[in-house]
Amino acid sequence: MQPPVELALLQENVHPKVVSGRLGHSSIAFTMTVYQHVMPGMQAEAAATFGAAVFGP
């Protein structure tokens, strides 16, 4: 069962490293493997951020 508080934090874009620490996971990789399904927009957001940084808003 997934802790609802941590799911909410990930959905609100709290850095996964912070959530990983709260869960007591030994690595962020484990956290990302388990919880990646709650962050479906991460790739699109990263691409948009990169585009804005390179090409301007």
N, C-alpha and C. Protein backbone atom coordinates (compact mmCIF):
# COMPACT_ATOMS: atom_id res chain seq x y z
N MET A 1 0.84 -1.18 0.00
CA MET A 1 0.00 0.00 0.00
C MET A 1 0.88 1.25 0.00
N GLN A 2 0.48 2.24 -0.79
CA GLN A 2 1.27 3.45 -0.91
C GLN A 2 0.76 4.52 0.06
N PRO A 3 1.67 5.14 0.80
CA PRO A 3 1.27 6.17 1.75
C PRO A 3 0.64 7.36 1.03
N PRO A 4 -0.58 7.75 1.39
CA PRO A 4 -1.27 8.84 0.68
C PRO A 4 -0.56 10.19 0.77
N VAL A 5 0.12 10.47 1.87
CA VAL A 5 0.80 11.75 2.00
C VAL A 5 1.92 11.85 0.98
N GLU A 6 2.70 10.80 0.83
CA GLU A 6 3.79 10.83 -0.12
C GLU A 6 3.28 10.90 -1.56
N LEU A 7 2.19 10.22 -1.84
CA LEU A 7 1.59 10.32 -3.17
C LEU A 7 1.19 11.76 -3.46
N ALA A 8 0.57 12.40 -2.49
CA ALA A 8 0.17 13.80 -2.66
C ALA A 8 1.37 14.70 -2.88
N LEU A 9 2.45 14.46 -2.14
CA LEU A 9 3.66 15.27 -2.31
C LEU A 9 4.22 15.12 -3.73
N LEU A 10 4.28 13.91 -4.23
CA LEU A 10 4.79 13.69 -5.58
C LEU A 10 3.89 14.35 -6.62
N GLN A 11 2.59 14.25 -6.43
CA GLN A 11 1.66 14.86 -7.37
C GLN A 11 1.74 16.38 -7.35
N GLU A 12 2.22 16.93 -6.25
CA GLU A 12 2.39 18.38 -6.14
C GLU A 12 3.81 18.83 -6.48
N ASN A 13 4.56 17.94 -7.12
CA ASN A 13 5.91 18.23 -7.62
C ASN A 13 6.95 18.48 -6.53
N VAL A 14 6.76 17.88 -5.36
CA VAL A 14 7.83 17.89 -4.36
C VAL A 14 8.92 16.98 -4.91
N HIS A 15 10.16 17.38 -4.79
CA HIS A 15 11.26 16.62 -5.38
C HIS A 15 11.25 15.18 -4.85
N PRO A 16 11.37 14.21 -5.76
CA PRO A 16 11.35 12.81 -5.35
C PRO A 16 12.41 12.44 -4.31
N LYS A 17 13.54 13.13 -4.28
CA LYS A 17 14.57 12.84 -3.28
C LYS A 17 14.04 13.12 -1.88
N VAL A 18 13.25 14.18 -1.74
CA VAL A 18 12.66 14.53 -0.45
C VAL A 18 11.66 13.45 -0.04
N VAL A 19 10.82 13.05 -0.98
CA VAL A 19 9.83 12.02 -0.70
C VAL A 19 10.52 10.70 -0.36
N SER A 20 11.58 10.37 -1.09
CA SER A 20 12.34 9.16 -0.84
C SER A 20 12.85 9.12 0.60
N GLY A 21 13.38 10.25 1.05
CA GLY A 21 13.86 10.33 2.43
C GLY A 21 12.76 10.16 3.45
N ARG A 22 11.59 10.75 3.18
CA ARG A 22 10.45 10.61 4.10
C ARG A 22 9.98 9.17 4.20
N LEU A 23 10.11 8.45 3.10
CA LEU A 23 9.69 7.04 3.08
C LEU A 23 10.74 6.10 3.65
N GLY A 24 11.96 6.60 3.83
CA GLY A 24 13.03 5.76 4.35
C GLY A 24 13.66 4.86 3.30
N HIS A 25 13.46 5.20 2.02
CA HIS A 25 14.05 4.39 0.96
C HIS A 25 15.55 4.64 0.91
N SER A 26 16.29 3.62 0.54
CA SER A 26 17.75 3.75 0.50
C SER A 26 18.23 4.49 -0.75
N SER A 27 17.37 4.57 -1.76
CA SER A 27 17.78 5.28 -2.97
C SER A 27 16.56 5.92 -3.64
N ILE A 28 16.82 7.01 -4.34
CA ILE A 28 15.76 7.67 -5.09
C ILE A 28 15.31 6.79 -6.26
N ALA A 29 16.21 5.95 -6.76
CA ALA A 29 15.86 5.05 -7.86
C ALA A 29 14.72 4.11 -7.47
N PHE A 30 14.77 3.60 -6.26
CA PHE A 30 13.70 2.72 -5.80
C PHE A 30 12.39 3.49 -5.72
N THR A 31 12.43 4.68 -5.17
CA THR A 31 11.23 5.51 -5.04
C THR A 31 10.64 5.79 -6.43
N MET A 32 11.49 6.15 -7.38
CA MET A 32 11.00 6.45 -8.71
C MET A 32 10.40 5.22 -9.39
N THR A 33 10.98 4.06 -9.17
CA THR A 33 10.44 2.83 -9.74
C THR A 33 9.04 2.56 -9.20
N VAL A 34 8.87 2.75 -7.91
CA VAL A 34 7.58 2.45 -7.27
C VAL A 34 6.52 3.50 -7.59
N TYR A 35 6.91 4.76 -7.64
CA TYR A 35 5.94 5.85 -7.72
C TYR A 35 5.89 6.57 -9.06
N GLN A 36 6.59 6.11 -10.07
CA GLN A 36 6.63 6.84 -11.33
C GLN A 36 5.25 7.02 -11.96
N HIS A 37 4.32 6.13 -11.66
CA HIS A 37 2.99 6.23 -12.25
C HIS A 37 2.20 7.44 -11.77
N VAL A 38 2.59 8.05 -10.66
CA VAL A 38 1.84 9.21 -10.16
C VAL A 38 2.39 10.52 -10.72
N MET A 39 3.44 10.43 -11.54
CA MET A 39 4.04 11.63 -12.12
C MET A 39 4.10 11.54 -13.64
N PRO A 40 2.95 11.35 -14.30
CA PRO A 40 2.96 11.13 -15.74
C PRO A 40 3.41 12.35 -16.55
N GLY A 41 3.29 13.54 -15.99
CA GLY A 41 3.64 14.74 -16.74
C GLY A 41 5.09 15.17 -16.60
N MET A 42 5.92 14.38 -15.93
CA MET A 42 7.31 14.79 -15.70
C MET A 42 8.08 15.02 -16.98
N GLN A 43 7.96 14.16 -17.96
CA GLN A 43 8.71 14.30 -19.21
C GLN A 43 8.28 15.56 -19.96
N ALA A 44 6.99 15.78 -20.06
CA ALA A 44 6.49 16.97 -20.75
C ALA A 44 6.92 18.25 -20.04
N GLU A 45 6.86 18.23 -18.73
CA GLU A 45 7.28 19.40 -17.95
C GLU A 45 8.77 19.67 -18.14
N ALA A 46 9.58 18.62 -18.13
CA ALA A 46 11.01 18.78 -18.32
C ALA A 46 11.31 19.34 -19.72
N ALA A 47 10.61 18.85 -20.72
CA ALA A 47 10.81 19.34 -22.09
C ALA A 47 10.42 20.81 -22.20
N ALA A 48 9.31 21.19 -21.58
CA ALA A 48 8.87 22.58 -21.61
C ALA A 48 9.86 23.50 -20.89
N THR A 49 10.37 23.06 -19.77
CA THR A 49 11.34 23.84 -19.01
C THR A 49 12.62 24.03 -19.82
N PHE A 50 13.08 22.95 -20.44
CA PHE A 50 14.27 23.02 -21.27
C PHE A 50 14.06 23.97 -22.45
N GLY A 51 12.92 23.82 -23.12
CA GLY A 51 12.61 24.69 -24.25
C GLY A 51 12.59 26.16 -23.87
N ALA A 52 11.99 26.47 -22.72
CA ALA A 52 11.94 27.85 -22.24
C ALA A 52 13.33 28.38 -21.91
N ALA A 53 14.17 27.51 -21.35
CA ALA A 53 15.53 27.93 -20.99
C ALA A 53 16.37 28.21 -22.23
N VAL A 54 16.19 27.40 -23.26
CA VAL A 54 17.00 27.52 -24.47
C VAL A 54 16.44 28.58 -25.43
N PHE A 55 15.13 28.56 -25.63
CA PHE A 55 14.51 29.39 -26.65
C PHE A 55 13.74 30.58 -26.10
N GLY A 56 13.62 30.65 -24.79
CA GLY A 56 12.87 31.75 -24.17
C GLY A 56 11.41 31.37 -23.99
N PRO A 57 10.75 32.11 -23.13
CA PRO A 57 9.34 31.78 -22.83
C PRO A 57 8.39 32.00 -24.01
